[in-house]
Amino acid sequence: MESELKDLNSKPPNGHSVRDDRPLLKSDSTSADTIAEMEKKFAAYVRRDVYGTMGRGEFPAKEKLLLGFALVTLLPIRVLLALTVLLLYYLICRVCTLFSAPNRDEEQEDYAHMSGWRRTVIVSCGRALSRVMLFVFGFYWIPESHFPSQFYLYLCLLEFVKEDKDQPEDSGRPGVIVSNHVSYLDILYHMSSSFPSFVAKRSVAKLPLVGLISKCLGCVYVQRESKSSDFKGVSAVVTDRIQEAHQNKSAPLMMLFPEGTTTNGEYLLPFKTGGFLAKAPVLPVILRYHYQRFSPAWDSISGVRHVIFLLCQFVNYMEVIRLPVYHPSLQEMDDPKLFANNVRRLMATEPKGNLILSDIGLAEKRIYHAALNGNNSLPSVLHQKDE
């Protein structure tokens, strides 16, 4: 990490000592080598669509015409439809939670454990309207494929998946879904598929419309900027939720992105162990976004720019690959890191997923973003690895 910081803090080209605050993409041609080195070092976060890194690149005249046409026709229609769907589901959640007190546990607040018709309506409508939202965004069809059983047996022979005698007999349902993380669109898909609970920033609970929806999902809220015991509390809540979902079919599944941040969809970062502490079976899911013009990956592009470009693309493509439920061995139960690494290796081995293992993480992503924006005085937080 220190060598990376030294490379990024080196003197600008041509020997000038004056700091250049322009983004690297806007600098002169003498910085081409620096950009190439960065893209190789931070390959998991590099955008490769026609809009360029950060979505600010120069694109062909044909693309400008298509974008201009979509801005005045497709964009307003999709924005209106998306807001309508969001408002409709908010009203459904508001009606279903009337005269119903939320569950509260250590500053967590949710409606995920409601029963009866209220829960049925929230889940059914949530799944349906999430799929409608994806349709509005241009995901008209989403092919799903399951891990080939023959290849799974082949991996067993290669010891990627260990079928040992120490595996517990009581397998049950999975307690958590683990998925690679490419975009905020991942959440919409998983809502439409299984309507699980997520881990979200605490500020999400206070957002208009979305706040109530997140509580109906049963989100576990965390203050990401804090390194206090708050994280330990959240970890305990997540572990309890996973164990409950594993043992109780009526409890909502937990949905975790163990990489801890988004990538460009071509790489798989190291997994954090939080989702594997419960010792419960996990369901690995791989999401792939195919594109020719605009990549739906949300890595080094601003949120507003990403939404605009996404809504201006006539058709977007997503492919889902579901692997078999992974049941941990006794050794993996005693070693969450081993459990997480084995699941990660299994996901990377799936041929259709075509994922490349990478050892970088969120700290490197922050360094890359700071460098892209011409920030050579990197804050001390970039030196720290997230736990």
Protein backbone atom coordinates (compact mmCIF):
# COMPACT_ATOMS: atom_id res chain seq x y z
CA MET A 1 0.00 0.00 0.00
CA GLU A 2 2.82 2.40 0.81
CA SER A 3 4.35 1.91 -2.64
CA GLU A 4 1.00 2.67 -4.24
CA LEU A 5 0.71 5.90 -2.30
CA LYS A 6 4.22 6.89 -3.34
CA ASP A 7 3.41 6.26 -7.00
CA LEU A 8 0.29 8.39 -6.82
CA ASN A 9 2.02 11.15 -4.91
CA SER A 10 4.96 11.42 -7.31
CA LYS A 11 5.79 14.66 -9.07
CA PRO A 12 3.69 15.61 -12.10
CA PRO A 13 5.07 15.17 -15.64
CA ASN A 14 7.67 17.49 -17.14
CA GLY A 15 9.19 18.11 -13.69
CA HIS A 16 6.72 20.85 -12.67
CA SER A 17 6.21 21.20 -8.94
CA VAL A 18 2.88 22.97 -9.28
CA ARG A 19 -0.01 20.71 -8.33
CA ASP A 20 -2.42 19.91 -11.16
CA ASP A 21 -5.96 19.56 -9.80
CA ARG A 22 -7.43 18.38 -13.08
CA PRO A 23 -8.73 14.79 -13.21
CA LEU A 24 -6.18 12.39 -14.66
CA LEU A 25 -8.42 11.74 -17.65
CA LYS A 26 -8.21 15.41 -18.57
CA SER A 27 -4.44 15.69 -18.23
CA ASP A 28 -2.04 15.85 -21.16
CA SER A 29 -0.70 12.89 -23.10
CA THR A 30 2.46 12.62 -21.01
CA SER A 31 0.36 11.04 -18.22
CA ALA A 32 -0.71 8.15 -20.46
CA ASP A 33 1.79 5.81 -18.82
CA THR A 34 0.51 6.75 -15.37
CA ILE A 35 -3.09 6.08 -16.40
CA ALA A 36 -2.14 2.74 -17.95
CA GLU A 37 -0.36 1.70 -14.74
CA MET A 38 -3.35 2.71 -12.66
CA GLU A 39 -5.77 0.80 -14.85
CA LYS A 40 -3.63 -2.30 -14.51
CA LYS A 41 -3.25 -1.92 -10.75
CA PHE A 42 -6.92 -1.10 -10.11
CA ALA A 43 -8.36 -3.22 -12.93
CA ALA A 44 -11.39 -4.27 -10.87
CA TYR A 45 -12.68 -0.67 -10.87
CA VAL A 46 -11.90 0.42 -14.43
CA ARG A 47 -14.81 1.25 -16.75
CA ARG A 48 -14.41 0.13 -20.37
CA ASP A 49 -17.59 1.30 -22.09
CA VAL A 50 -17.93 3.99 -24.78
CA TYR A 51 -18.44 6.68 -22.14
CA GLY A 52 -14.98 6.17 -20.68
CA THR A 53 -13.72 6.15 -17.12
CA MET A 54 -15.96 8.24 -14.84
CA GLY A 55 -18.44 8.54 -17.73
CA ARG A 56 -16.79 11.74 -18.99
CA GLY A 57 -14.91 10.47 -22.02
CA GLU A 58 -15.30 11.62 -25.61
CA PHE A 59 -17.65 9.30 -27.47
CA PRO A 60 -18.57 8.95 -31.17
CA ALA A 61 -21.01 11.25 -32.95
CA LYS A 62 -23.47 8.36 -33.36
CA GLU A 63 -23.52 7.86 -29.61
CA LYS A 64 -24.14 11.57 -29.08
CA LEU A 65 -27.16 11.42 -31.39
CA LEU A 66 -28.56 8.35 -29.62
CA LEU A 67 -27.99 9.93 -26.23
CA GLY A 68 -29.57 13.24 -27.29
CA PHE A 69 -32.65 11.46 -28.66
CA ALA A 70 -33.03 9.35 -25.51
CA LEU A 71 -32.65 12.40 -23.26
CA VAL A 72 -35.76 14.05 -24.69
CA THR A 73 -37.86 10.93 -25.22
CA LEU A 74 -36.91 7.83 -23.23
CA LEU A 75 -35.47 9.48 -20.10
CA PRO A 76 -38.56 11.49 -18.99
CA ILE A 77 -40.87 8.53 -19.62
CA ARG A 78 -38.72 6.16 -17.59
CA VAL A 79 -38.24 8.67 -14.77
CA LEU A 80 -42.00 9.17 -14.53
CA LEU A 81 -42.69 5.43 -14.56
CA ALA A 82 -39.97 4.71 -11.99
CA LEU A 83 -41.29 7.36 -9.61
CA THR A 84 -44.80 5.99 -10.06
CA VAL A 85 -43.68 2.46 -9.18
CA LEU A 86 -41.72 3.73 -6.16
CA LEU A 87 -44.63 5.82 -4.88
CA LEU A 88 -47.07 2.95 -5.41
CA TYR A 89 -44.99 0.54 -3.39
CA TYR A 90 -44.43 3.13 -0.68
CA LEU A 91 -48.20 3.55 -0.34
CA ILE A 92 -48.63 -0.24 -0.15
CA CYS A 93 -46.01 -0.40 2.61
CA ARG A 94 -47.62 2.54 4.41
CA VAL A 95 -51.05 0.88 4.40
CA CYS A 96 -49.67 -2.48 5.51
CA THR A 97 -47.75 -0.95 8.42
CA LEU A 98 -50.61 1.18 9.75
CA PHE A 99 -51.34 0.46 13.41
CA SER A 100 -48.39 -1.94 13.45
CA ALA A 101 -45.37 -1.26 15.67
CA PRO A 102 -41.97 -2.05 14.13
CA ASN A 103 -39.56 -4.52 15.65
CA ARG A 104 -36.83 -2.72 17.57
CA ASP A 105 -33.56 -4.26 18.63
CA GLU A 106 -30.44 -2.25 19.51
CA GLU A 107 -31.35 0.76 17.35
CA GLN A 108 -32.51 -1.54 14.55
CA GLU A 109 -36.06 -0.97 13.36
CA ASP A 110 -37.92 -3.06 10.81
CA TYR A 111 -41.20 -4.65 9.79
CA ALA A 112 -39.63 -7.82 8.37
CA HIS A 113 -41.14 -10.11 11.00
CA MET A 114 -44.76 -9.11 10.46
CA SER A 115 -47.02 -12.06 9.76
CA GLY A 116 -50.35 -12.68 8.08
CA TRP A 117 -51.77 -10.79 5.15
CA ARG A 118 -49.63 -7.71 5.77
CA ARG A 119 -46.37 -9.58 5.22
CA THR A 120 -47.81 -11.47 2.25
CA VAL A 121 -48.85 -8.26 0.53
CA ILE A 122 -45.53 -6.50 1.24
CA VAL A 123 -43.45 -9.40 -0.10
CA SER A 124 -45.64 -10.22 -3.13
CA CYS A 125 -45.99 -6.61 -4.23
CA GLY A 126 -42.34 -5.90 -3.49
CA ARG A 127 -41.14 -8.73 -5.69
CA ALA A 128 -43.52 -7.87 -8.52
CA LEU A 129 -42.85 -4.13 -8.49
CA SER A 130 -39.08 -4.63 -8.27
CA ARG A 131 -39.28 -6.63 -11.48
CA VAL A 132 -41.44 -3.89 -13.01
CA MET A 133 -38.79 -1.35 -12.01
CA LEU A 134 -36.10 -3.40 -13.73
CA PHE A 135 -38.31 -3.55 -16.82
CA VAL A 136 -38.65 0.24 -16.74
CA PHE A 137 -34.84 0.47 -16.57
CA GLY A 138 -34.55 -1.58 -19.76
CA PHE A 139 -34.01 -5.08 -18.34
CA TYR A 140 -36.81 -6.63 -20.37
CA TRP A 141 -35.70 -10.22 -19.85
CA ILE A 142 -33.28 -11.64 -17.30
CA PRO A 143 -32.04 -15.16 -18.11
CA GLU A 144 -31.29 -17.33 -15.10
CA SER A 145 -29.15 -20.44 -15.19
CA HIS A 146 -28.25 -22.97 -12.53
CA PHE A 147 -24.87 -24.44 -11.83
CA PRO A 148 -24.45 -27.59 -13.97
CA SER A 149 -24.56 -30.63 -11.70
CA GLN A 150 -21.90 -32.39 -13.80
CA PHE A 151 -19.48 -29.52 -13.31
CA TYR A 152 -20.29 -29.44 -9.60
CA LEU A 153 -19.29 -33.10 -9.32
CA TYR A 154 -16.12 -32.31 -11.26
CA LEU A 155 -15.25 -29.62 -8.72
CA CYS A 156 -15.81 -32.11 -5.92
CA LEU A 157 -13.19 -34.34 -7.51
CA LEU A 158 -10.82 -31.37 -7.70
CA GLU A 159 -11.56 -30.58 -4.02
CA PHE A 160 -12.96 -27.13 -4.76
CA VAL A 161 -16.10 -28.39 -3.05
CA LYS A 162 -15.43 -30.79 -0.22
CA GLU A 163 -17.89 -33.60 0.39
CA ASP A 164 -16.55 -34.82 3.71
CA LYS A 165 -18.04 -37.10 6.33
CA ASP A 166 -17.89 -34.35 8.94
CA GLN A 167 -20.60 -32.34 7.19
CA PRO A 168 -23.66 -31.94 9.46
CA GLU A 169 -26.72 -33.99 8.56
CA ASP A 170 -29.14 -31.12 9.19
CA SER A 171 -28.57 -28.98 6.12
CA GLY A 172 -31.90 -27.13 5.94
CA ARG A 173 -32.50 -23.98 3.91
CA PRO A 174 -29.74 -21.40 3.39
CA GLY A 175 -29.64 -18.57 5.86
CA VAL A 176 -27.97 -16.06 3.57
CA ILE A 177 -27.57 -15.25 -0.11
CA VAL A 178 -24.08 -14.09 -1.10
CA SER A 179 -23.55 -12.32 -4.40
CA ASN A 180 -20.92 -10.37 -6.27
CA HIS A 181 -21.64 -6.64 -6.19
CA VAL A 182 -21.68 -4.64 -9.44
CA SER A 183 -24.40 -2.02 -9.14
CA TYR A 184 -27.31 -0.73 -7.07
CA LEU A 185 -29.38 -2.66 -9.61
CA ASP A 186 -28.24 -5.85 -7.84
CA ILE A 187 -30.57 -4.93 -4.99
CA LEU A 188 -33.57 -4.60 -7.31
CA TYR A 189 -32.92 -8.02 -8.79
CA HIS A 190 -32.59 -9.74 -5.42
CA MET A 191 -35.75 -7.99 -4.22
CA SER A 192 -37.62 -9.33 -7.25
CA SER A 193 -36.20 -12.81 -6.74
CA SER A 194 -36.24 -13.54 -3.02
CA PHE A 195 -37.03 -10.26 -1.21
CA PRO A 196 -34.27 -10.64 1.39
CA SER A 197 -33.00 -8.30 4.09
CA PHE A 198 -29.94 -6.17 3.33
CA VAL A 199 -27.26 -4.33 5.26
CA ALA A 200 -27.65 -0.60 4.59
CA LYS A 201 -26.33 2.73 5.81
CA ARG A 202 -28.27 4.07 8.76
CA SER A 203 -29.10 7.21 6.78
CA VAL A 204 -31.17 5.08 4.37
CA ALA A 205 -33.82 4.62 7.08
CA LYS A 206 -34.47 8.38 7.05
CA LEU A 207 -34.82 8.81 3.29
CA PRO A 208 -38.25 9.75 1.91
CA LEU A 209 -40.16 6.77 0.48
CA VAL A 210 -37.10 4.49 0.47
CA GLY A 211 -36.76 4.61 4.26
CA LEU A 212 -40.05 2.83 4.95
CA ILE A 213 -39.40 0.33 2.15
CA SER A 214 -36.02 -0.53 3.68
CA LYS A 215 -37.70 -1.18 7.03
CA CYS A 216 -40.21 -3.48 5.35
CA LEU A 217 -37.28 -5.35 3.83
CA GLY A 218 -35.85 -5.77 7.31
CA CYS A 219 -32.60 -3.95 6.56
CA VAL A 220 -29.87 -4.01 9.19
CA TYR A 221 -28.54 -0.47 9.51
CA VAL A 222 -24.89 0.37 10.00
CA GLN A 223 -22.88 3.57 10.34
CA ARG A 224 -20.09 2.79 7.86
CA GLU A 225 -17.97 5.78 8.86
CA SER A 226 -17.76 4.47 12.41
CA LYS A 227 -15.12 2.00 13.56
CA SER A 228 -16.64 1.67 17.02
CA SER A 229 -18.46 -1.20 18.65
CA ASP A 230 -21.37 -0.40 16.33
CA PHE A 231 -19.88 -2.82 13.82
CA LYS A 232 -19.73 -5.57 16.42
CA GLY A 233 -23.40 -4.98 17.21
CA VAL A 234 -24.35 -5.11 13.55
CA SER A 235 -22.33 -8.29 13.07
CA ALA A 236 -24.22 -9.93 15.93
CA VAL A 237 -27.58 -8.85 14.49
CA VAL A 238 -26.67 -10.18 11.04
CA THR A 239 -25.47 -13.49 12.50
CA ASP A 240 -28.72 -13.87 14.45
CA ARG A 241 -30.77 -13.05 11.35
CA ILE A 242 -28.89 -15.63 9.27
CA GLN A 243 -29.34 -18.34 11.89
CA GLU A 244 -33.02 -17.50 12.20
CA ALA A 245 -33.54 -17.65 8.43
CA HIS A 246 -31.74 -20.99 8.33
CA GLN A 247 -33.98 -22.48 11.01
CA ASN A 248 -37.28 -20.73 10.30
CA LYS A 249 -38.79 -20.85 6.80
CA SER A 250 -41.04 -17.87 7.50
CA ALA A 251 -38.09 -15.62 8.42
CA PRO A 252 -36.62 -13.46 5.62
CA LEU A 253 -33.28 -14.49 4.15
CA MET A 254 -30.29 -12.20 4.59
CA MET A 255 -28.64 -10.84 1.45
CA LEU A 256 -24.95 -9.90 1.70
CA PHE A 257 -22.36 -8.59 -0.72
CA PRO A 258 -19.24 -9.98 1.00
CA GLU A 259 -16.86 -7.98 -1.23
CA GLY A 260 -17.94 -4.86 0.64
CA THR A 261 -18.01 -2.63 -2.46
CA THR A 262 -18.87 -2.66 -6.16
CA THR A 263 -16.57 -3.65 -9.04
CA ASN A 264 -16.81 -3.41 -12.82
CA GLY A 265 -18.31 -6.90 -12.84
CA GLU A 266 -15.26 -8.72 -14.16
CA TYR A 267 -13.53 -9.38 -10.84
CA LEU A 268 -14.27 -10.95 -7.46
CA LEU A 269 -12.71 -9.21 -4.48
CA PRO A 270 -11.78 -10.86 -1.17
CA PHE A 271 -14.80 -11.79 0.95
CA LYS A 272 -15.38 -10.37 4.40
CA THR A 273 -16.29 -13.05 6.93
CA GLY A 274 -19.35 -11.39 8.52
CA GLY A 275 -21.84 -13.44 6.52
CA PHE A 276 -20.09 -16.71 7.37
CA LEU A 277 -19.96 -16.40 11.15
CA ALA A 278 -23.43 -17.94 11.54
CA LYS A 279 -22.14 -21.32 10.26
CA ALA A 280 -25.29 -21.64 8.14
CA PRO A 281 -25.49 -22.79 4.50
CA VAL A 282 -25.15 -20.02 1.92
CA LEU A 283 -26.65 -19.59 -1.53
CA PRO A 284 -24.05 -18.12 -3.95
CA VAL A 285 -25.42 -16.03 -6.82
CA ILE A 286 -23.44 -14.44 -9.65
CA LEU A 287 -24.75 -11.39 -11.53
CA ARG A 288 -23.36 -10.51 -14.94
CA TYR A 289 -24.16 -7.33 -16.89
CA HIS A 290 -23.49 -7.57 -20.61
CA TYR A 291 -23.19 -4.33 -22.56
CA GLN A 292 -21.98 -2.76 -25.79
CA ARG A 293 -22.40 0.96 -25.09
CA PHE A 294 -22.96 1.73 -21.41
CA SER A 295 -21.88 -0.54 -18.56
CA PRO A 296 -24.45 -0.78 -15.72
CA ALA A 297 -21.54 -1.30 -13.30
CA TRP A 298 -21.37 1.45 -10.69
CA ASP A 299 -17.68 1.84 -9.95
CA SER A 300 -15.99 5.15 -10.83
CA ILE A 301 -18.98 7.10 -12.14
CA SER A 302 -21.23 9.49 -10.20
CA GLY A 303 -24.70 8.32 -9.22
CA VAL A 304 -26.64 10.96 -11.18
CA ARG A 305 -24.59 10.46 -14.33
CA HIS A 306 -24.98 6.69 -14.02
CA VAL A 307 -28.77 6.88 -13.70
CA ILE A 308 -29.07 9.21 -16.69
CA PHE A 309 -26.91 7.06 -18.96
CA LEU A 310 -28.65 3.89 -17.79
CA LEU A 311 -32.12 5.26 -18.49
CA CYS A 312 -30.99 6.54 -21.88
CA GLN A 313 -29.90 3.08 -22.98
CA PHE A 314 -32.74 1.39 -24.82
CA VAL A 315 -31.96 -2.16 -23.67
CA ASN A 316 -29.90 -3.33 -20.69
CA TYR A 317 -28.76 -6.89 -20.12
CA MET A 318 -28.40 -8.90 -16.93
CA GLU A 319 -27.64 -12.59 -16.54
CA VAL A 320 -28.06 -14.50 -13.27
CA ILE A 321 -26.18 -17.67 -12.37
CA ARG A 322 -27.38 -19.56 -9.31
CA LEU A 323 -25.02 -22.03 -7.72
CA PRO A 324 -26.10 -24.89 -5.43
CA VAL A 325 -26.53 -24.15 -1.75
CA TYR A 326 -23.11 -24.44 -0.13
CA HIS A 327 -23.15 -26.42 3.13
CA PRO A 328 -20.08 -25.78 5.29
CA SER A 329 -18.03 -28.62 6.72
CA LEU A 330 -17.17 -28.72 10.42
CA GLN A 331 -13.74 -27.32 9.57
CA GLU A 332 -15.31 -24.37 7.73
CA MET A 333 -17.70 -23.78 10.63
CA ASP A 334 -14.71 -23.42 12.93
CA ASP A 335 -12.91 -21.16 10.46
CA PRO A 336 -15.17 -18.47 8.88
CA LYS A 337 -12.29 -17.19 6.76
CA LEU A 338 -11.82 -20.64 5.21
CA PHE A 339 -15.58 -20.86 4.68
CA ALA A 340 -15.63 -17.47 2.91
CA ASN A 341 -12.58 -18.26 0.76
CA ASN A 342 -13.99 -21.60 -0.38
CA VAL A 343 -17.30 -20.05 -1.42
CA ARG A 344 -15.38 -17.31 -3.26
CA ARG A 345 -13.24 -19.86 -5.09
CA LEU A 346 -16.33 -21.82 -6.07
CA MET A 347 -17.98 -18.69 -7.53
CA ALA A 348 -14.81 -17.81 -9.45
CA THR A 349 -14.63 -21.33 -10.90
CA GLU A 350 -18.10 -21.19 -12.47
CA PRO A 351 -17.49 -20.94 -16.27
CA LYS A 352 -20.42 -18.66 -17.12
CA GLY A 353 -19.53 -16.24 -14.34
CA ASN A 354 -16.10 -15.65 -15.88
CA LEU A 355 -14.91 -13.85 -12.74
CA ILE A 356 -11.25 -13.09 -12.01
CA LEU A 357 -10.00 -13.22 -8.43
CA SER A 358 -8.47 -9.95 -7.22
CA ASP A 359 -6.75 -9.12 -3.94
CA ILE A 360 -7.57 -5.40 -3.78
CA GLY A 361 -10.40 -3.90 -1.74
CA LEU A 362 -12.24 -0.75 -0.73
CA ALA A 363 -9.09 1.10 0.37
CA GLU A 364 -7.59 0.71 -3.10
CA LYS A 365 -10.85 1.84 -4.65
CA ARG A 366 -10.70 5.07 -2.68
CA ILE A 367 -7.12 5.63 -3.79
CA TYR A 368 -8.11 5.07 -7.42
CA HIS A 369 -11.05 7.47 -7.18
CA ALA A 370 -8.93 10.12 -5.50
CA ALA A 371 -6.32 9.83 -8.23
CA LEU A 372 -8.95 10.01 -10.99
CA ASN A 373 -10.18 13.26 -9.51
CA GLY A 374 -6.65 14.70 -9.38
CA ASN A 375 -6.45 14.49 -5.58
CA ASN A 376 -2.78 13.86 -4.82
CA SER A 377 -3.07 14.62 -1.09
CA LEU A 378 -4.81 11.42 -0.11
CA PRO A 379 -6.49 11.43 3.31
CA SER A 380 -5.26 9.11 6.02
CA VAL A 381 -8.42 7.03 5.78
CA LEU A 382 -7.09 5.57 2.53
CA HIS A 383 -4.32 3.88 4.47
CA GLN A 384 -6.83 1.84 6.41
CA LYS A 385 -8.32 -1.45 5.34
CA ASP A 386 -11.98 -1.95 6.12
CA GLU A 387 -12.64 -4.82 8.48
